[in-house]
PDB file of all heavy atoms in Angstrom:
ATOM      1  N   ARG A   1       0.838  -1.195   0.000  1.00  0.00           N
ATOM      2  CA  ARG A   1       0.000   0.000   0.000  1.00  0.00           C
ATOM      3  C   ARG A   1       0.881   1.257   0.000  1.00  0.00           C
ATOM      4  O   ARG A   1       0.609   2.227  -0.731  1.00  0.00           O
ATOM      5  CB  ARG A   1      -0.911  -0.034   1.220  1.00  0.00           C
ATOM      6  CG  ARG A   1      -2.049   0.965   1.201  1.00  0.00           C
ATOM      7  CD  ARG A   1      -3.162   0.564   2.158  1.00  0.00           C
ATOM      8  NE  ARG A   1      -2.655   0.261   3.488  1.00  0.00           N
ATOM      9  CZ  ARG A   1      -2.772  -0.932   4.094  1.00  0.00           C
ATOM     10  NH1 ARG A   1      -3.369  -1.938   3.467  1.00  0.00           N
ATOM     11  NH2 ARG A   1      -2.311  -1.125   5.300  1.00  0.00           N
ATOM     12  N   ALA A   2       1.936   1.236   0.811  1.00  0.00           N
ATOM     13  CA  ALA A   2       2.857   2.376   0.866  1.00  0.00           C
ATOM     14  C   ALA A   2       3.542   2.587  -0.480  1.00  0.00           C
ATOM     15  O   ALA A   2       3.712   3.719  -0.944  1.00  0.00           O
ATOM     16  CB  ALA A   2       3.898   2.162   1.965  1.00  0.00           C
ATOM     17  N   LEU A   3       3.948   1.488  -1.118  1.00  0.00           N
ATOM     18  CA  LEU A   3       4.609   1.590  -2.413  1.00  0.00           C
ATOM     19  C   LEU A   3       3.674   2.153  -3.473  1.00  0.00           C
ATOM     20  O   LEU A   3       4.058   3.005  -4.274  1.00  0.00           O
ATOM     21  CB  LEU A   3       5.131   0.219  -2.844  1.00  0.00           C
ATOM     22  CG  LEU A   3       6.337  -0.311  -2.071  1.00  0.00           C
ATOM     23  CD1 LEU A   3       6.600  -1.763  -2.434  1.00  0.00           C
ATOM     24  CD2 LEU A   3       7.566   0.536  -2.354  1.00  0.00           C
ATOM     25  N   LEU A   4       2.417   1.669  -3.470  1.00  0.00           N
ATOM     26  CA  LEU A   4       1.473   2.126  -4.482  1.00  0.00           C
ATOM     27  C   LEU A   4       1.166   3.620  -4.323  1.00  0.00           C
ATOM     28  O   LEU A   4       1.233   4.384  -5.294  1.00  0.00           O
ATOM     29  CB  LEU A   4       0.177   1.324  -4.377  1.00  0.00           C
ATOM     30  CG  LEU A   4      -0.966   1.780  -5.300  1.00  0.00           C
ATOM     31  CD1 LEU A   4      -0.536   1.681  -6.761  1.00  0.00           C
ATOM     32  CD2 LEU A   4      -2.229   0.965  -5.040  1.00  0.00           C
ATOM     33  N   LEU A   5       0.869   4.030  -3.099  1.00  0.00           N
ATOM     34  CA  LEU A   5       0.513   5.432  -2.883  1.00  0.00           C
ATOM     35  C   LEU A   5       1.697   6.361  -3.148  1.00  0.00           C
ATOM     36  O   LEU A   5       1.533   7.442  -3.727  1.00  0.00           O
ATOM     37  CB  LEU A   5      -0.015   5.620  -1.462  1.00  0.00           C
ATOM     38  CG  LEU A   5      -1.359   4.934  -1.160  1.00  0.00           C
ATOM     39  CD1 LEU A   5      -1.765   5.149   0.283  1.00  0.00           C
ATOM     40  CD2 LEU A   5      -2.446   5.436  -2.104  1.00  0.00           C
ATOM     41  N   SER A   6       2.898   5.946  -2.710  1.00  0.00           N
ATOM     42  CA  SER A   6       4.064   6.800  -2.947  1.00  0.00           C
ATOM     43  C   SER A   6       4.421   6.835  -4.432  1.00  0.00           C
ATOM     44  O   SER A   6       4.864   7.864  -4.953  1.00  0.00           O
ATOM     45  CB  SER A   6       5.259   6.310  -2.115  1.00  0.00           C
ATOM     46  OG  SER A   6       5.604   4.985  -2.438  1.00  0.00           O
ATOM     47  N   PHE A   7       4.212   5.713  -5.140  1.00  0.00           N
ATOM     48  CA  PHE A   7       4.436   5.686  -6.586  1.00  0.00           C
ATOM     49  C   PHE A   7       3.524   6.694  -7.283  1.00  0.00           C
ATOM     50  O   PHE A   7       3.965   7.490  -8.122  1.00  0.00           O
ATOM     51  CB  PHE A   7       4.176   4.283  -7.122  1.00  0.00           C
ATOM     52  CG  PHE A   7       4.136   4.187  -8.623  1.00  0.00           C
ATOM     53  CD1 PHE A   7       5.306   4.152  -9.367  1.00  0.00           C
ATOM     54  CD2 PHE A   7       2.921   4.124  -9.300  1.00  0.00           C
ATOM     55  CE1 PHE A   7       5.270   4.073 -10.756  1.00  0.00           C
ATOM     56  CE2 PHE A   7       2.872   4.043 -10.675  1.00  0.00           C
ATOM     57  CZ  PHE A   7       4.050   4.018 -11.410  1.00  0.00           C
ATOM     58  N   LEU A   8       2.241   6.680  -6.921  1.00  0.00           N
ATOM     59  CA  LEU A   8       1.290   7.605  -7.532  1.00  0.00           C
ATOM     60  C   LEU A   8       1.648   9.058  -7.211  1.00  0.00           C
ATOM     61  O   LEU A   8       1.582   9.937  -8.089  1.00  0.00           O
ATOM     62  CB  LEU A   8      -0.124   7.290  -7.052  1.00  0.00           C
ATOM     63  CG  LEU A   8      -0.702   5.947  -7.526  1.00  0.00           C
ATOM     64  CD1 LEU A   8      -2.059   5.696  -6.877  1.00  0.00           C
ATOM     65  CD2 LEU A   8      -0.812   5.907  -9.048  1.00  0.00           C
ATOM     66  N   ALA A   9       2.047   9.318  -5.959  1.00  0.00           N
ATOM     67  CA  ALA A   9       2.391  10.683  -5.559  1.00  0.00           C
ATOM     68  C   ALA A   9       3.591  11.199  -6.339  1.00  0.00           C
ATOM     69  O   ALA A   9       3.604  12.347  -6.821  1.00  0.00           O
ATOM     70  CB  ALA A   9       2.660  10.743  -4.058  1.00  0.00           C
ATOM     71  N   LEU A  10       4.626  10.367  -6.489  1.00  0.00           N
ATOM     72  CA  LEU A  10       5.816  10.809  -7.210  1.00  0.00           C
ATOM     73  C   LEU A  10       5.554  10.957  -8.711  1.00  0.00           C
ATOM     74  O   LEU A  10       6.116  11.840  -9.360  1.00  0.00           O
ATOM     75  CB  LEU A  10       6.961   9.814  -6.969  1.00  0.00           C
ATOM     76  CG  LEU A  10       7.646   9.910  -5.602  1.00  0.00           C
ATOM     77  CD1 LEU A  10       8.698   8.824  -5.455  1.00  0.00           C
ATOM     78  CD2 LEU A  10       8.280  11.283  -5.399  1.00  0.00           C
ATOM     79  N   MET A  11       4.711  10.084  -9.252  1.00  0.00           N
ATOM     80  CA  MET A  11       4.386  10.209 -10.679  1.00  0.00           C
ATOM     81  C   MET A  11       3.632  11.509 -10.948  1.00  0.00           C
ATOM     82  O   MET A  11       3.907  12.209 -11.936  1.00  0.00           O
ATOM     83  CB  MET A  11       3.554   9.003 -11.129  1.00  0.00           C
ATOM     84  CG  MET A  11       4.355   7.724 -11.288  1.00  0.00           C
ATOM     85  SD  MET A  11       5.657   7.845 -12.555  1.00  0.00           S
ATOM     86  CE  MET A  11       4.664   7.905 -14.039  1.00  0.00           C
ATOM     87  N   VAL A  12       2.671  11.841 -10.080  1.00  0.00           N
ATOM     88  CA  VAL A  12       1.943  13.105 -10.245  1.00  0.00           C
ATOM     89  C   VAL A  12       2.906  14.279 -10.122  1.00  0.00           C
ATOM     90  O   VAL A  12       2.859  15.230 -10.925  1.00  0.00           O
ATOM     91  CB  VAL A  12       0.816  13.206  -9.194  1.00  0.00           C
ATOM     92  CG1 VAL A  12       0.224  14.616  -9.185  1.00  0.00           C
ATOM     93  CG2 VAL A  12      -0.279  12.183  -9.490  1.00  0.00           C
ATOM     94  N   THR A  13       3.799  14.215  -9.142  1.00  0.00           N
ATOM     95  CA  THR A  13       4.787  15.283  -8.959  1.00  0.00           C
ATOM     96  C   THR A  13       5.654  15.443 -10.202  1.00  0.00           C
ATOM     97  O   THR A  13       5.873  16.561 -10.702  1.00  0.00           O
ATOM     98  CB  THR A  13       5.683  14.975  -7.750  1.00  0.00           C
ATOM     99  OG1 THR A  13       4.882  14.914  -6.564  1.00  0.00           O
ATOM    100  CG2 THR A  13       6.764  16.032  -7.580  1.00  0.00           C
ATOM    101  N   ALA A  14       6.163  14.314 -10.724  1.00  0.00           N
ATOM    102  CA  ALA A  14       7.042  14.356 -11.895  1.00  0.00           C
ATOM    103  C   ALA A  14       6.299  14.854 -13.128  1.00  0.00           C
ATOM    104  O   ALA A  14       6.863  15.600 -13.950  1.00  0.00           O
ATOM    105  CB  ALA A  14       7.635  12.972 -12.149  1.00  0.00           C
ATOM    106  N   LEU A  15       5.047  14.458 -13.303  1.00  0.00           N
ATOM    107  CA  LEU A  15       4.277  14.899 -14.471  1.00  0.00           C
ATOM    108  C   LEU A  15       4.016  16.405 -14.412  1.00  0.00           C
ATOM    109  O   LEU A  15       4.067  17.092 -15.444  1.00  0.00           O
ATOM    110  CB  LEU A  15       2.961  14.123 -14.541  1.00  0.00           C
ATOM    111  CG  LEU A  15       3.088  12.649 -14.962  1.00  0.00           C
ATOM    112  CD1 LEU A  15       1.754  11.931 -14.809  1.00  0.00           C
ATOM    113  CD2 LEU A  15       3.599  12.540 -16.400  1.00  0.00           C
ATOM    114  N   ILE A  16       3.728  16.941 -13.226  1.00  0.00           N
ATOM    115  CA  ILE A  16       3.554  18.390 -13.083  1.00  0.00           C
ATOM    116  C   ILE A  16       4.845  19.112 -13.448  1.00  0.00           C
ATOM    117  O   ILE A  16       4.844  20.113 -14.189  1.00  0.00           O
ATOM    118  CB  ILE A  16       3.136  18.737 -11.637  1.00  0.00           C
ATOM    119  CG1 ILE A  16       1.719  18.218 -11.352  1.00  0.00           C
ATOM    120  CG2 ILE A  16       3.198  20.250 -11.401  1.00  0.00           C
ATOM    121  CD1 ILE A  16       1.303  18.380  -9.902  1.00  0.00           C
ATOM    122  N   GLN A  17       5.971  18.573 -12.946  1.00  0.00           N
ATOM    123  CA  GLN A  17       7.257  19.199 -13.259  1.00  0.00           C
ATOM    124  C   GLN A  17       7.568  19.105 -14.756  1.00  0.00           C
ATOM    125  O   GLN A  17       8.117  20.041 -15.340  1.00  0.00           O
ATOM    126  CB  GLN A  17       8.364  18.532 -12.446  1.00  0.00           C
ATOM    127  CG  GLN A  17       8.312  18.847 -10.957  1.00  0.00           C
ATOM    128  CD  GLN A  17       9.471  18.225 -10.210  1.00  0.00           C
ATOM    129  OE1 GLN A  17       9.788  17.050 -10.389  1.00  0.00           O
ATOM    130  NE2 GLN A  17      10.107  19.013  -9.359  1.00  0.00           N
ATOM    131  N   LEU A  18       7.244  17.959 -15.367  1.00  0.00           N
ATOM    132  CA  LEU A  18       7.519  17.789 -16.796  1.00  0.00           C
ATOM    133  C   LEU A  18       6.753  18.805 -17.635  1.00  0.00           C
ATOM    134  O   LEU A  18       7.280  19.343 -18.621  1.00  0.00           O
ATOM    135  CB  LEU A  18       7.138  16.372 -17.220  1.00  0.00           C
ATOM    136  CG  LEU A  18       7.474  15.983 -18.666  1.00  0.00           C
ATOM    137  CD1 LEU A  18       8.983  16.058 -18.895  1.00  0.00           C
ATOM    138  CD2 LEU A  18       6.958  14.578 -18.975  1.00  0.00           C
ATOM    139  N   ALA A  19       5.520  19.084 -17.235  1.00  0.00           N
ATOM    140  CA  ALA A  19       4.728  20.091 -17.950  1.00  0.00           C
ATOM    141  C   ALA A  19       5.392  21.458 -17.842  1.00  0.00           C
ATOM    142  O   ALA A  19       5.417  22.227 -18.824  1.00  0.00           O
ATOM    143  CB  ALA A  19       3.307  20.139 -17.379  1.00  0.00           C
ATOM    144  N   VAL A  20       5.938  21.786 -16.690  1.00  0.00           N
ATOM    145  CA  VAL A  20       6.616  23.067 -16.511  1.00  0.00           C
ATOM    146  C   VAL A  20       7.906  23.109 -17.323  1.00  0.00           C
ATOM    147  O   VAL A  20       8.269  24.147 -17.892  1.00  0.00           O
ATOM    148  CB  VAL A  20       6.888  23.330 -15.016  1.00  0.00           C
ATOM    149  CG1 VAL A  20       7.665  24.619 -14.827  1.00  0.00           C
ATOM    150  CG2 VAL A  20       5.583  23.373 -14.233  1.00  0.00           C
ATOM    151  N   VAL A  21       8.633  21.972 -17.393  1.00  0.00           N
ATOM    152  CA  VAL A  21       9.853  21.902 -18.200  1.00  0.00           C
ATOM    153  C   VAL A  21       9.533  22.232 -19.658  1.00  0.00           C
ATOM    154  O   VAL A  21      10.277  22.951 -20.343  1.00  0.00           O
ATOM    155  CB  VAL A  21      10.490  20.498 -18.106  1.00  0.00           C
ATOM    156  CG1 VAL A  21      11.582  20.334 -19.163  1.00  0.00           C
ATOM    157  CG2 VAL A  21      11.081  20.284 -16.727  1.00  0.00           C
ATOM    158  N   ALA A  22       8.410  21.718 -20.139  1.00  0.00           N
ATOM    159  CA  ALA A  22       8.027  21.920 -21.538  1.00  0.00           C
ATOM    160  C   ALA A  22       7.822  23.392 -21.870  1.00  0.00           C
ATOM    161  O   ALA A  22       8.116  23.839 -22.993  1.00  0.00           O
ATOM    162  CB  ALA A  22       6.765  21.127 -21.847  1.00  0.00           C
ATOM    163  N   VAL A  23       7.324  24.169 -20.912  1.00  0.00           N
ATOM    164  CA  VAL A  23       7.047  25.585 -21.195  1.00  0.00           C
ATOM    165  C   VAL A  23       8.180  26.509 -20.765  1.00  0.00           C
ATOM    166  O   VAL A  23       8.253  27.662 -21.207  1.00  0.00           O
ATOM    167  CB  VAL A  23       5.731  26.044 -20.506  1.00  0.00           C
ATOM    168  CG1 VAL A  23       4.563  25.231 -21.022  1.00  0.00           C
ATOM    169  CG2 VAL A  23       5.837  25.955 -18.996  1.00  0.00           C
ATOM    170  N   SER A  24       9.081  26.017 -19.906  1.00  0.00           N
ATOM    171  CA  SER A  24      10.130  26.893 -19.373  1.00  0.00           C
ATOM    172  C   SER A  24      11.506  26.614 -19.946  1.00  0.00           C
ATOM    173  O   SER A  24      12.326  27.524 -20.091  1.00  0.00           O
ATOM    174  CB  SER A  24      10.196  26.756 -17.845  1.00  0.00           C
ATOM    175  OG  SER A  24      10.683  25.475 -17.473  1.00  0.00           O
ATOM    176  N   GLY A  25      11.808  25.343 -20.245  1.00  0.00           N
ATOM    177  CA  GLY A  25      13.129  24.978 -20.731  1.00  0.00           C
ATOM    178  C   GLY A  25      14.185  24.908 -19.653  1.00  0.00           C
ATOM    179  O   GLY A  25      15.383  24.895 -19.956  1.00  0.00           O
ATOM    180  N   SER A  26      13.813  24.812 -18.380  1.00  0.00           N
ATOM    181  CA  SER A  26      14.785  24.771 -17.278  1.00  0.00           C
ATOM    182  C   SER A  26      15.463  23.411 -17.211  1.00  0.00           C
ATOM    183  O   SER A  26      14.807  22.378 -17.042  1.00  0.00           O
ATOM    184  CB  SER A  26      14.083  25.061 -15.945  1.00  0.00           C
ATOM    185  OG  SER A  26      14.948  24.784 -14.861  1.00  0.00           O
ATOM    186  N   VAL A  27      16.795  23.388 -17.330  1.00  0.00           N
ATOM    187  CA  VAL A  27      17.525  22.124 -17.257  1.00  0.00           C
ATOM    188  C   VAL A  27      17.592  21.617 -15.820  1.00  0.00           C
ATOM    189  O   VAL A  27      17.581  20.408 -15.568  1.00  0.00           O
ATOM    190  CB  VAL A  27      18.942  22.269 -17.852  1.00  0.00           C
ATOM    191  CG1 VAL A  27      19.819  23.152 -16.981  1.00  0.00           C
ATOM    192  CG2 VAL A  27      19.595  20.900 -18.022  1.00  0.00           C
ATOM    193  N   ALA A  28      17.671  22.540 -14.849  1.00  0.00           N
ATOM    194  CA  ALA A  28      17.687  22.111 -13.452  1.00  0.00           C
ATOM    195  C   ALA A  28      16.390  21.379 -13.107  1.00  0.00           C
ATOM    196  O   ALA A  28      16.397  20.340 -12.449  1.00  0.00           O
ATOM    197  CB  ALA A  28      17.883  23.306 -12.520  1.00  0.00           C
ATOM    198  N   LEU A  29      15.280  21.943 -13.589  1.00  0.00           N
ATOM    199  CA  LEU A  29      14.000  21.295 -13.330  1.00  0.00           C
ATOM    200  C   LEU A  29      13.900  19.984 -14.100  1.00  0.00           C
ATOM    201  O   LEU A  29      13.330  19.000 -13.593  1.00  0.00           O
ATOM    202  CB  LEU A  29      12.856  22.227 -13.730  1.00  0.00           C
ATOM    203  CG  LEU A  29      11.442  21.718 -13.432  1.00  0.00           C
ATOM    204  CD1 LEU A  29      11.279  21.425 -11.943  1.00  0.00           C
ATOM    205  CD2 LEU A  29      10.396  22.730 -13.889  1.00  0.00           C
ATOM    206  N   LEU A  30      14.450  19.926 -15.318  1.00  0.00           N
ATOM    207  CA  LEU A  30      14.441  18.684 -16.093  1.00  0.00           C
ATOM    208  C   LEU A  30      15.205  17.589 -15.361  1.00  0.00           C
ATOM    209  O   LEU A  30      14.749  16.440 -15.279  1.00  0.00           O
ATOM    210  CB  LEU A  30      15.054  18.918 -17.471  1.00  0.00           C
ATOM    211  CG  LEU A  30      15.197  17.669 -18.354  1.00  0.00           C
ATOM    212  CD1 LEU A  30      13.839  17.040 -18.614  1.00  0.00           C
ATOM    213  CD2 LEU A  30      15.896  18.016 -19.662  1.00  0.00           C
ATOM    214  N   VAL A  31      16.374  17.947 -14.825  1.00  0.00           N
ATOM    215  CA  VAL A  31      17.173  16.982 -14.072  1.00  0.00           C
ATOM    216  C   VAL A  31      16.380  16.448 -12.877  1.00  0.00           C
ATOM    217  O   VAL A  31      16.337  15.237 -12.616  1.00  0.00           O
ATOM    218  CB  VAL A  31      18.498  17.624 -13.596  1.00  0.00           C
ATOM    219  CG1 VAL A  31      19.201  16.718 -12.586  1.00  0.00           C
ATOM    220  CG2 VAL A  31      19.413  17.890 -14.782  1.00  0.00           C
ATOM    221  N   ASP A  32      15.738  17.362 -12.151  1.00  0.00           N
ATOM    222  CA  ASP A  32      14.952  16.950 -10.990  1.00  0.00           C
ATOM    223  C   ASP A  32      13.767  16.087 -11.412  1.00  0.00           C
ATOM    224  O   ASP A  32      13.410  15.116 -10.738  1.00  0.00           O
ATOM    225  CB  ASP A  32      14.471  18.188 -10.237  1.00  0.00           C
ATOM    226  CG  ASP A  32      13.950  17.852  -8.847  1.00  0.00           C
ATOM    227  OD1 ASP A  32      14.630  17.089  -8.131  1.00  0.00           O
ATOM    228  OD2 ASP A  32      12.873  18.339  -8.485  1.00  0.00           O
ATOM    229  N   THR A  33      13.156  16.422 -12.542  1.00  0.00           N
ATOM    230  CA  THR A  33      12.018  15.649 -13.044  1.00  0.00           C
ATOM    231  C   THR A  33      12.438  14.235 -13.402  1.00  0.00           C
ATOM    232  O   THR A  33      11.749  13.253 -13.076  1.00  0.00           O
ATOM    233  CB  THR A  33      11.406  16.348 -14.270  1.00  0.00           C
ATOM    234  OG1 THR A  33      11.007  17.668 -13.919  1.00  0.00           O
ATOM    235  CG2 THR A  33      10.208  15.572 -14.794  1.00  0.00           C
ATOM    236  N   ILE A  34      13.563  14.119 -14.098  1.00  0.00           N
ATOM    237  CA  ILE A  34      14.078  12.794 -14.461  1.00  0.00           C
ATOM    238  C   ILE A  34      14.297  11.949 -13.219  1.00  0.00           C
ATOM    239  O   ILE A  34      13.929  10.763 -13.163  1.00  0.00           O
ATOM    240  CB  ILE A  34      15.397  12.922 -15.256  1.00  0.00           C
ATOM    241  CG1 ILE A  34      15.133  13.534 -16.639  1.00  0.00           C
ATOM    242  CG2 ILE A  34      16.076  11.562 -15.403  1.00  0.00           C
ATOM    243  CD1 ILE A  34      16.397  13.898 -17.393  1.00  0.00           C
ATOM    244  N   HIS A  35      14.891  12.579 -12.205  1.00  0.00           N
ATOM    245  CA  HIS A  35      15.173  11.826 -10.990  1.00  0.00           C
ATOM    246  C   HIS A  35      13.889  11.429 -10.267  1.00  0.00           C
ATOM    247  O   HIS A  35      13.796  10.337  -9.697  1.00  0.00           O
ATOM    248  CB  HIS A  35      16.077  12.647 -10.068  1.00  0.00           C
ATOM    249  CG  HIS A  35      16.749  11.825  -9.023  1.00  0.00           C
ATOM    250  ND1 HIS A  35      17.389  10.638  -9.302  1.00  0.00           N
ATOM    251  CD2 HIS A  35      16.872  12.001  -7.684  1.00  0.00           C
ATOM    252  CE1 HIS A  35      17.877  10.133  -8.189  1.00  0.00           C
ATOM    253  NE2 HIS A  35      17.571  10.934  -7.194  1.00  0.00           N
ATOM    254  N   ASN A  36      12.883  12.281 -10.293  1.00  0.00           N
ATOM    255  CA  ASN A  36      11.616  11.930  -9.654  1.00  0.00           C
ATOM    256  C   ASN A  36      10.916  10.786 -10.370  1.00  0.00           C
ATOM    257  O   ASN A  36      10.294   9.926  -9.737  1.00  0.00           O
ATOM    258  CB  ASN A  36      10.696  13.161  -9.588  1.00  0.00           C
ATOM    259  CG  ASN A  36      11.056  14.078  -8.436  1.00  0.00           C
ATOM    260  OD1 ASN A  36      11.551  13.633  -7.404  1.00  0.00           O
ATOM    261  ND2 ASN A  36      10.833  15.377  -8.611  1.00  0.00           N
ATOM    262  N   PHE A  37      11.009  10.761 -11.706  1.00  0.00           N
ATOM    263  CA  PHE A  37      10.468   9.614 -12.437  1.00  0.00           C
ATOM    264  C   PHE A  37      11.193   8.327 -12.032  1.00  0.00           C
ATOM    265  O   PHE A  37      10.572   7.282 -11.831  1.00  0.00           O
ATOM    266  CB  PHE A  37      10.610   9.827 -13.954  1.00  0.00           C
ATOM    267  CG  PHE A  37       9.459  10.555 -14.580  1.00  0.00           C
ATOM    268  CD1 PHE A  37       9.649  11.756 -15.231  1.00  0.00           C
ATOM    269  CD2 PHE A  37       8.165  10.032 -14.523  1.00  0.00           C
ATOM    270  CE1 PHE A  37       8.582  12.430 -15.813  1.00  0.00           C
ATOM    271  CE2 PHE A  37       7.097  10.694 -15.098  1.00  0.00           C
ATOM    272  CZ  PHE A  37       7.309  11.905 -15.755  1.00  0.00           C
ATOM    273  N   ALA A  38      12.529   8.411 -11.928  1.00  0.00           N
ATOM    274  CA  ALA A  38      13.308   7.236 -11.522  1.00  0.00           C
ATOM    275  C   ALA A  38      12.929   6.793 -10.115  1.00  0.00           C
ATOM    276  O   ALA A  38      12.819   5.592  -9.836  1.00  0.00           O
ATOM    277  CB  ALA A  38      14.801   7.549 -11.591  1.00  0.00           C
TER     278      ALA A  38
END
């Protein structure tokens, strides 16, 4: 249960960040997004 809920939370977080990367072009945010997906 902990794995499933934390997986969903991190995926939502990473997807929000990825959307911001697309409009901003920030490499620092891209790096953080990649790591959150991992």
